[in-house]
Protein backbone atom coordinates (compact mmCIF):
# COMPACT_ATOMS: atom_id res chain seq x y z
CA MET A 1 0.00 0.00 0.00
CA SER A 2 1.39 3.45 -0.85
CA LYS A 3 2.13 6.00 1.85
CA ARG A 4 -0.67 8.25 0.60
CA VAL A 5 -3.25 5.46 0.60
CA ALA A 6 -2.16 4.23 4.01
CA VAL A 7 -2.48 7.66 5.53
CA LEU A 8 -5.90 8.16 3.97
CA VAL A 9 -7.00 4.80 5.34
CA CYS A 10 -5.83 5.94 8.75
CA LEU A 11 -7.67 9.20 8.42
CA ALA A 12 -10.77 7.46 7.18
CA LEU A 13 -10.84 5.20 10.20
CA ALA A 14 -10.30 8.19 12.45
CA SER A 15 -13.11 10.08 10.79
CA GLY A 16 -15.28 7.04 11.34
CA VAL A 17 -14.95 7.63 15.05
CA PHE A 18 -16.57 11.06 14.79
CA LEU A 19 -20.24 10.06 14.48
CA ALA A 20 -20.18 7.82 17.53
CA ALA A 21 -20.02 10.93 19.66
CA CYS A 22 -23.66 11.48 18.78
CA GLY A 23 -24.65 7.89 19.40
CA GLY A 24 -24.52 7.84 23.16
CA GLY A 25 -20.80 7.71 23.98
CA ASP A 26 -18.62 10.52 25.33
CA ASP A 27 -16.66 10.23 22.17
CA GLY A 28 -13.75 12.33 21.07
CA SER A 29 -13.17 11.94 17.46
CA GLY A 30 -15.97 11.56 15.11
CA GLY A 31 -18.03 8.26 13.88
CA GLY A 32 -18.27 4.81 15.46
CA GLY A 33 -15.38 2.44 14.94
CA THR A 34 -11.89 1.67 16.07
CA PRO A 35 -9.22 4.38 16.15
CA ALA A 36 -6.79 3.90 13.33
CA THR A 37 -3.68 1.81 13.95
CA GLY A 38 -2.27 2.48 10.54
CA GLY A 39 -0.94 -0.25 8.31
CA GLY A 40 0.93 -0.75 5.10
CA GLY A 41 4.38 -0.82 6.63
CA GLN A 42 4.86 2.92 7.06
CA THR A 43 7.22 2.11 9.92
CA GLN A 44 9.08 -0.77 8.32
CA GLY A 45 12.63 -1.04 9.67
CA ALA A 46 11.82 0.66 12.96
CA LYS A 47 14.19 0.01 15.83
CA VAL A 48 12.64 -2.56 18.17
CA ILE A 49 13.29 -2.39 21.90
CA ASP A 50 15.24 -5.19 23.56
CA VAL A 51 13.04 -6.24 26.47
CA ASN A 52 16.05 -7.66 28.31
CA ALA A 53 17.81 -4.28 28.25
CA LYS A 54 16.09 -3.25 31.47
CA ASN A 55 17.66 -6.11 33.43
CA GLY A 56 20.58 -4.74 35.42
CA ALA A 57 20.43 -1.39 33.63
CA LYS A 58 22.30 1.51 35.25
CA GLY A 59 22.94 5.15 34.50
CA GLU A 60 20.91 8.27 33.79
CA VAL A 61 18.19 9.22 31.35
CA THR A 62 16.69 12.61 30.56
CA TYR A 63 12.91 12.91 30.52
CA CYS A 64 11.61 15.79 28.40
CA THR A 65 8.13 17.17 28.93
CA GLY A 66 6.07 20.32 28.74
CA LYS A 67 6.03 22.80 31.62
CA ASP A 68 5.10 20.86 34.74
CA THR A 69 2.26 23.13 35.87
CA THR A 70 0.78 20.55 38.25
CA GLY A 71 4.02 19.32 39.83
CA VAL A 72 3.33 15.70 38.93
CA THR A 73 6.51 15.18 36.90
CA HIS A 74 8.76 16.61 39.59
CA SER A 75 6.99 14.35 42.07
CA TRP A 76 7.36 11.05 40.22
CA ILE A 77 10.95 11.77 39.24
CA LYS A 78 11.80 12.45 42.88
CA ASN A 79 10.12 9.20 43.87
CA PHE A 80 11.86 7.23 41.13
CA ASN A 81 15.29 8.61 41.98
CA GLU A 82 14.84 7.84 45.67
CA LYS A 83 13.69 4.29 44.94
CA TYR A 84 16.35 3.41 42.38
CA ALA A 85 19.39 5.35 43.57
CA SER A 86 20.80 2.21 45.18
CA LYS A 87 20.49 0.42 41.83
CA GLY A 88 22.42 3.14 40.02
CA MET A 89 19.54 4.64 38.06
CA LYS A 90 18.51 8.30 37.83
CA VAL A 91 16.10 10.46 35.83
CA ASN A 92 16.87 14.06 34.93
CA LEU A 93 14.14 16.48 33.89
CA VAL A 94 14.02 18.95 31.01
CA GLU A 95 10.90 21.12 30.76
CA PHE A 96 9.73 22.67 27.52
CA PRO A 97 7.24 25.60 27.31
CA ALA A 98 3.58 25.04 28.23
CA SER A 99 2.37 25.30 24.63
CA ALA A 100 1.84 21.85 23.11
CA ASP A 101 2.96 23.14 19.72
CA GLU A 102 6.23 24.40 21.15
CA GLN A 103 6.81 21.10 22.98
CA ARG A 104 6.36 19.23 19.73
CA ASN A 105 8.74 21.57 17.92
CA GLN A 106 11.41 21.21 20.61
CA PHE A 107 11.30 17.42 20.38
CA ILE A 108 11.30 17.44 16.58
CA GLN A 109 14.36 19.68 16.48
CA ARG A 110 16.29 17.27 18.67
CA GLN A 111 15.20 14.20 16.75
CA GLN A 112 16.04 15.75 13.40
CA ALA A 113 19.50 16.47 14.80
CA LYS A 114 19.72 12.82 15.97
CA SER A 115 20.32 14.13 19.46
CA GLY A 116 20.13 12.02 22.58
CA ASP A 117 19.19 15.05 24.69
CA CYS A 118 15.76 13.51 25.31
CA ASP A 119 16.02 9.82 26.12
CA MET A 120 12.30 9.90 26.81
CA PHE A 121 9.53 12.31 25.92
CA SER A 122 6.07 12.92 27.30
CA SER A 123 4.25 12.85 23.98
CA ASP A 124 0.75 14.19 23.43
CA VAL A 125 -1.61 11.42 22.40
CA VAL A 126 -1.99 12.91 18.91
CA TRP A 127 1.71 12.79 17.98
CA THR A 128 2.21 9.03 17.84
CA ALA A 129 1.81 8.54 14.09
CA GLU A 130 3.93 11.54 13.15
CA PHE A 131 6.87 10.59 15.37
CA ALA A 132 6.69 6.88 14.58
CA SER A 133 6.49 7.43 10.81
CA GLN A 134 9.66 9.53 11.00
CA GLY A 135 11.58 6.69 12.65
CA TRP A 136 12.20 8.62 15.86
CA LEU A 137 10.71 6.18 18.38
CA TYR A 138 11.55 2.73 19.62
CA ASP A 139 8.96 0.12 18.74
CA LEU A 140 7.97 -1.04 22.23
CA THR A 141 5.60 -3.77 21.10
CA PRO A 142 7.55 -6.71 22.61
CA TYR A 143 7.69 -4.98 25.99
CA MET A 144 4.17 -3.56 25.97
CA ASN A 145 2.70 -6.94 25.06
CA THR A 146 3.74 -8.13 28.52
CA ILE A 147 1.75 -5.44 30.34
CA LYS A 148 -0.86 -4.12 27.90
CA ASP A 149 -3.73 -5.96 29.57
CA ASP A 150 -3.29 -3.69 32.59
CA TYR A 151 -4.27 -0.62 30.57
CA ILE A 152 -7.67 0.76 29.66
CA PRO A 153 -7.91 0.04 25.90
CA ALA A 154 -8.65 3.62 24.79
CA PRO A 155 -5.40 5.20 26.07
CA LEU A 156 -3.42 2.25 24.70
CA GLU A 157 -4.91 2.86 21.26
CA THR A 158 -3.48 6.39 21.23
CA VAL A 159 0.06 5.00 21.25
CA THR A 160 -0.65 2.34 18.61
CA PHE A 161 0.14 2.96 14.94
CA ASP A 162 0.94 0.69 12.01
CA ASN A 163 -0.01 -2.27 14.23
CA LYS A 164 2.84 -1.50 16.63
CA ILE A 165 2.95 0.04 20.10
CA TRP A 166 5.27 3.04 20.31
CA GLY A 167 5.16 3.94 23.98
CA ALA A 168 3.26 3.53 27.21
CA PRO A 169 0.20 5.50 28.31
CA GLU A 170 1.32 7.87 31.05
CA THR A 171 -1.84 9.74 31.97
CA SER A 172 -5.18 10.02 30.26
CA ASP A 173 -7.66 12.83 30.26
CA ALA A 174 -11.23 13.81 29.59
CA ALA A 175 -12.83 17.21 29.91
CA PHE A 176 -15.60 18.15 32.32
CA LEU A 177 -17.77 21.16 33.01
CA PHE A 178 -16.90 22.83 36.32
CA TYR A 179 -19.44 25.16 37.93
CA ALA A 180 -19.68 27.47 40.94
CA LYS A 181 -22.27 25.98 43.29
CA ASP A 182 -23.11 29.33 44.86
CA GLN A 183 -24.36 30.57 41.49
CA VAL A 184 -25.98 27.49 39.94
CA LYS A 185 -27.35 24.40 41.64
CA SER A 186 -26.26 22.01 38.92
CA ALA A 187 -24.72 21.93 35.49
CA PRO A 188 -27.11 22.60 32.58
CA ASP A 189 -27.97 19.66 30.35
CA THR A 190 -27.03 21.29 27.03
CA TRP A 191 -24.34 23.57 25.68
CA GLN A 192 -27.02 26.05 24.67
CA ALA A 193 -28.40 26.19 28.22
CA THR A 194 -24.87 26.47 29.61
CA TYR A 195 -24.09 29.52 27.50
CA ASP A 196 -27.48 31.07 28.30
CA GLU A 197 -26.84 30.63 32.03
CA ALA A 198 -23.28 31.89 31.66
CA LYS A 199 -24.56 35.15 30.15
CA LYS A 200 -26.81 35.68 33.18
CA THR A 201 -24.04 34.99 35.70
CA ASP A 202 -20.27 35.42 35.66
CA GLY A 203 -19.70 33.67 32.36
CA ILE A 204 -17.80 30.64 31.12
CA VAL A 205 -14.08 30.21 30.48
CA PHE A 206 -12.40 27.68 28.21
CA GLN A 207 -9.29 27.26 26.08
CA GLY A 208 -9.83 29.71 23.23
CA ALA A 209 -6.26 30.53 22.19
CA ALA A 210 -5.01 29.40 18.78
CA TYR A 211 -3.47 26.07 19.81
CA GLU A 212 -4.37 22.39 20.28
CA GLY A 213 -6.55 23.10 23.30
CA LEU A 214 -9.02 25.02 21.14
CA THR A 215 -9.18 22.14 18.68
CA CYS A 216 -10.38 19.93 21.53
CA ASP A 217 -12.86 22.50 22.82
CA PHE A 218 -14.38 23.06 19.41
CA LEU A 219 -14.53 19.40 18.43
CA GLU A 220 -16.35 18.46 21.64
CA ILE A 221 -19.21 20.74 20.67
CA ALA A 222 -18.99 20.11 16.92
CA PHE A 223 -19.05 16.34 17.30
CA ALA A 224 -21.93 16.61 19.76
CA ALA A 225 -23.79 18.63 17.13
CA GLY A 226 -23.23 15.84 14.60
CA GLY A 227 -20.30 17.37 12.76
CA THR A 228 -17.35 15.56 11.19
CA VAL A 229 -13.92 16.54 9.93
CA LEU A 230 -13.44 14.04 7.10
CA ASN A 231 -15.72 12.01 4.86
CA ASP A 232 -16.13 8.25 5.30
CA ASP A 233 -13.11 7.25 3.26
CA GLY A 234 -10.93 10.08 4.51
CA THR A 235 -10.30 11.61 1.10
CA LYS A 236 -12.11 14.91 1.62
CA ALA A 237 -12.57 17.45 4.37
CA THR A 238 -16.10 17.83 5.70
CA ILE A 239 -15.55 20.50 8.32
CA ASP A 240 -17.51 23.10 6.33
CA SER A 241 -20.90 21.69 7.28
CA PRO A 242 -24.17 22.96 8.79
CA GLU A 243 -23.54 20.96 11.97
CA ASN A 244 -20.10 22.42 12.53
CA LEU A 245 -21.43 25.88 11.74
CA LYS A 246 -24.03 25.54 14.49
CA ALA A 247 -21.28 24.66 16.96
CA LEU A 248 -18.98 27.48 15.92
CA GLN A 249 -21.81 30.02 15.84
CA LEU A 250 -22.74 29.03 19.39
CA MET A 251 -19.19 29.54 20.62
CA THR A 252 -18.71 32.76 18.68
CA ASP A 253 -21.96 34.23 19.96
CA ALA A 254 -20.89 33.41 23.52
CA VAL A 255 -17.75 35.51 23.17
CA GLN A 256 -19.48 38.35 21.34
CA ASN A 257 -22.49 38.60 23.69
CA GLY A 258 -20.53 38.37 26.93
CA ALA A 259 -21.30 34.81 27.97
CA ALA A 260 -17.53 34.29 27.75
CA PRO A 261 -14.95 37.04 28.25
CA LYS A 262 -13.27 38.30 25.08
CA ALA A 263 -9.94 37.49 26.72
CA VAL A 264 -10.84 33.80 26.46
CA THR A 265 -9.47 33.91 22.91
CA THR A 266 -6.00 34.08 24.53
CA TYR A 267 -6.58 31.47 27.23
CA MET A 268 -4.79 28.16 27.54
CA GLU A 269 -5.36 25.78 30.46
CA PRO A 270 -3.42 27.78 33.09
CA GLN A 271 -5.27 31.03 32.38
CA THR A 272 -8.58 29.16 32.46
CA ASP A 273 -7.74 27.59 35.83
CA THR A 274 -6.70 30.96 37.24
CA ALA A 275 -9.89 32.71 36.21
CA PHE A 276 -12.12 30.01 37.68
CA GLY A 277 -9.98 29.65 40.80
CA ARG A 278 -10.31 33.37 41.51
CA GLY A 279 -14.09 33.19 41.25
CA GLN A 280 -14.16 35.18 38.02
CA ALA A 281 -16.33 32.69 36.10
CA THR A 282 -19.38 30.61 36.86
CA PHE A 283 -18.45 27.81 34.46
CA MET A 284 -15.18 26.32 33.22
CA ARG A 285 -14.50 23.71 30.58
CA ASN A 286 -11.23 22.01 31.51
CA TRP A 287 -9.45 18.71 31.96
CA THR A 288 -9.46 16.35 34.93
CA GLY A 289 -6.34 17.82 36.51
CA SER A 290 -8.17 21.08 37.12
CA TYR A 291 -10.07 19.41 39.97
CA ALA A 292 -6.96 19.32 42.19
CA LEU A 293 -5.90 22.81 41.12
CA ALA A 294 -9.30 24.31 41.98
CA GLN A 295 -9.17 22.67 45.41
CA ARG A 296 -6.10 24.81 46.16
CA THR A 297 -7.91 28.07 45.41
CA GLN A 298 -10.67 30.11 47.00
CA MET A 299 -13.10 27.84 45.13
CA LYS A 300 -12.25 24.85 47.34
CA GLY A 301 -15.47 23.12 48.31
CA LYS A 302 -17.49 25.64 46.32
CA PHE A 303 -17.58 24.02 42.90
CA GLY A 304 -19.19 21.04 41.22
CA ILE A 305 -18.08 18.95 38.26
CA SER A 306 -20.21 17.37 35.56
CA ALA A 307 -19.90 15.49 32.29
CA LEU A 308 -19.86 17.75 29.25
CA PRO A 309 -23.33 18.90 28.17
CA ALA A 310 -25.20 17.62 25.14
CA PHE A 311 -25.83 19.69 22.05
CA ALA A 312 -29.57 20.39 22.00
CA GLY A 313 -31.29 18.14 19.48
CA ALA A 314 -28.18 16.02 18.90
CA GLY A 315 -25.80 14.19 21.27
CA ARG A 316 -22.75 14.34 23.51
CA ALA A 317 -19.06 14.19 22.71
CA GLY A 318 -15.70 14.04 24.42
CA VAL A 319 -12.12 14.15 23.23
CA LEU A 320 -9.49 11.87 24.70
CA GLY A 321 -6.49 13.75 26.04
CA GLY A 322 -3.41 12.72 27.94
CA HIS A 323 0.22 11.87 27.34
CA ASN A 324 2.31 8.83 26.48
CA SER A 325 5.89 8.10 27.47
CA VAL A 326 7.98 7.31 24.39
CA ILE A 327 11.65 6.36 24.07
CA SER A 328 13.88 8.08 21.50
CA VAL A 329 15.87 5.83 19.16
CA TYR A 330 18.81 8.12 19.93
CA SER A 331 18.73 7.32 23.64
CA LYS A 332 22.00 5.90 24.92
CA ASN A 333 20.25 4.12 27.77
CA PRO A 334 16.98 2.48 26.67
CA GLY A 335 17.33 -0.07 29.48
CA VAL A 336 16.89 2.57 32.19
CA ALA A 337 14.09 4.11 30.11
CA LEU A 338 12.21 0.79 30.29
CA ASN A 339 12.60 0.83 34.06
CA VAL A 340 11.07 4.30 34.06
CA ILE A 341 8.05 3.02 32.13
CA ASP A 342 7.77 0.17 34.63
CA PHE A 343 7.65 2.74 37.40
CA LEU A 344 5.11 4.98 35.67
CA HIS A 345 2.87 1.98 35.10
CA SER A 346 3.09 0.83 38.73
CA PRO A 347 0.03 0.89 41.02
CA ALA A 348 1.78 3.29 43.41
CA ASN A 349 2.47 5.87 40.69
CA GLN A 350 -0.96 5.55 39.11
CA ARG A 351 -2.46 6.06 42.58
CA SER A 352 -0.32 9.16 43.15
CA ASN A 353 -1.25 10.64 39.77
CA ALA A 354 -4.92 10.45 40.70
CA ALA A 355 -4.92 11.01 44.46
CA ASP A 356 -2.32 13.79 44.54
CA PHE A 357 -2.77 15.49 41.17
CA SER A 358 -6.27 14.56 39.93
CA LEU A 359 -4.85 13.05 36.76
CA ALA A 360 -6.79 10.25 35.12
CA PRO A 361 -5.11 6.86 35.61
CA VAL A 362 -4.49 4.72 32.54
CA THR A 363 -4.68 1.34 34.27
CA GLU A 364 -7.90 -0.48 35.07
CA ALA A 365 -6.95 -1.38 38.63
CA ALA A 366 -6.22 2.19 39.70
CA TYR A 367 -9.90 3.11 39.61
CA ASP A 368 -10.65 0.51 42.28
CA ASP A 369 -8.04 1.95 44.65
CA PRO A 370 -9.71 3.48 47.77
CA ALA A 371 -7.28 6.43 47.71
CA VAL A 372 -8.27 7.21 44.13
CA LYS A 373 -11.97 6.98 44.90
CA LYS A 374 -11.52 9.33 47.85
CA ALA A 375 -9.47 11.89 45.93
CA LEU A 376 -11.70 11.74 42.85
CA PRO A 377 -15.32 11.38 43.97
CA TYR A 378 -16.28 11.23 40.30
CA SER A 379 -13.79 8.42 39.53
CA ALA A 380 -16.47 6.06 38.17
CA GLU A 381 -17.69 8.71 35.74
CA LEU A 382 -14.10 9.52 34.82
CA LYS A 383 -13.27 5.90 34.03
CA GLN A 384 -16.38 5.68 31.85
CA ALA A 385 -15.50 8.91 30.03
CA ILE A 386 -11.94 7.70 29.41
CA SER A 387 -13.13 4.29 28.25
CA GLN A 388 -15.71 5.68 25.83
CA ALA A 389 -13.69 8.58 24.45
CA LYS A 390 -11.70 8.14 21.26
CA SER A 391 -8.44 9.57 20.08
CA ARG A 392 -8.24 12.37 17.59
CA PRO A 393 -7.12 11.29 14.09
CA VAL A 394 -4.03 9.10 14.32
CA SER A 395 -2.25 10.47 11.27
CA PRO A 396 1.08 11.94 10.23
CA VAL A 397 -0.84 14.99 9.00
CA TYR A 398 -2.81 15.50 12.20
CA PRO A 399 -0.81 18.62 13.19
CA GLN A 400 -1.89 20.33 9.96
CA ILE A 401 -5.51 19.27 10.48
CA SER A 402 -5.51 20.59 14.03
CA GLU A 403 -3.88 23.87 13.01
CA ALA A 404 -6.52 24.36 10.35
CA ILE A 405 -9.15 23.99 13.04
CA TYR A 406 -7.73 26.08 15.86
CA LYS A 407 -6.41 28.88 13.64
CA ASN A 408 -9.71 29.48 11.90
CA VAL A 409 -11.92 28.88 14.94
CA ASN A 410 -9.85 31.39 16.92
CA GLN A 411 -10.29 33.99 14.21
CA ALA A 412 -14.05 33.49 14.35
CA LEU A 413 -14.16 33.71 18.16
CA SER A 414 -12.13 36.91 18.16
CA GLY A 415 -14.38 38.52 15.52
CA GLN A 416 -11.78 38.65 12.75
CA VAL A 417 -13.93 36.59 10.38
CA GLN A 418 -17.48 35.28 10.30
CA PRO A 419 -18.01 31.63 11.33
CA GLU A 420 -19.01 30.70 7.78
CA ALA A 421 -15.76 32.09 6.36
CA ALA A 422 -13.72 30.41 9.11
CA LEU A 423 -15.08 26.98 8.24
CA GLN A 424 -14.64 27.56 4.51
CA GLN A 425 -10.97 28.36 5.09
CA ALA A 426 -10.54 25.39 7.43
CA GLN A 427 -11.98 23.20 4.68
CA LYS A 428 -9.36 24.47 2.22
CA ASP A 429 -6.53 24.08 4.74
CA ILE A 430 -7.43 20.48 5.56
CA GLU A 431 -7.80 19.58 1.89
CA LYS A 432 -4.33 20.98 1.33
CA ALA A 433 -2.96 18.83 4.17
CA LEU A 434 -4.59 15.70 2.77
CA ALA A 435 -3.12 16.41 -0.64
CA THR A 436 0.42 16.13 0.75
CA PHE A 437 0.09 12.34 0.99
């Protein structure tokens, strides 16, 4: 199969996930089916990990990640280093900027230079296909086959491409609607009702800046409205549709009529958390980790959390977030890196992720842990949301698809263009991306 055909097959499968969001599941991608795992040998000749390399491994590895805004990475590295110091193993930390796009660029620069600066990388769930197709990652299939049954299937699928497993799920994520209980008794059932209530109160905040976060925010509403990004066989963009227009018009109206502050068009996750934590908004759309952050603010004990609303007359949707730990083929110490993955996968670390930092565990057993249930009162709902959500398109051209979405949606939200024009341009941009393969 040619590279172009293989990619289009991958995109077609991903687009097939999009419609399921409207069929009862908190789905994150767009139309009933299995997230694409690729095929056609796009990764033929990849470097395969030696499972035995972890036995007796010693030395240091550098773990590269985005800005550790929650403190979770500093915490697990401290715990790892304390536990394995006597065995001669150590993890060093390198933090990249908070922007997902900048994190990706930093890693790409190092891999293109064949640098071993990052032995391991905390990779966004949408980067698997791109990095694997470039030959930058170890194929971890032999190792992951020994532990894959411990993982919830959905996060594991985000690190699977071309029928190979390229890393280990680190944390997963699903978005929720947070609300101030002193202003509303419960979360509204629909997005329309949420925005109506927001206009009457102190508004809603979300990730509206031109970056990956806005892609997620928009797709949650668009998929709930019945929208798609690609046609059934993945050969054409379908983002310029009546369903997607309804979603974008709803969001744009919210910013223009005061239901959301105009500054939301510059917000990423930290700014959203800050605004809600200071009591400046009645509602907040944000990821699971925001639960722990809000508990450290003046909103402690004063907020509720709910599944994302439905789109009136249609369905519900969710986008699977999270990160995977991958090992660079330029690492000089893959054996220690495997020990790190062992540690990240351990019950103790999965418990700490959830209980101490409100991050969604990726293993089945973690959700039955009493400490997790206590720290995350909504753990059952979280597990269901994670299990039912789907990955965004697993494709080497996903970055271009996402940019086409967030760039044009941001322009509509900020009043630079009308929603109709924004979707028309997104359509052209995605078609251009598809034409590169």
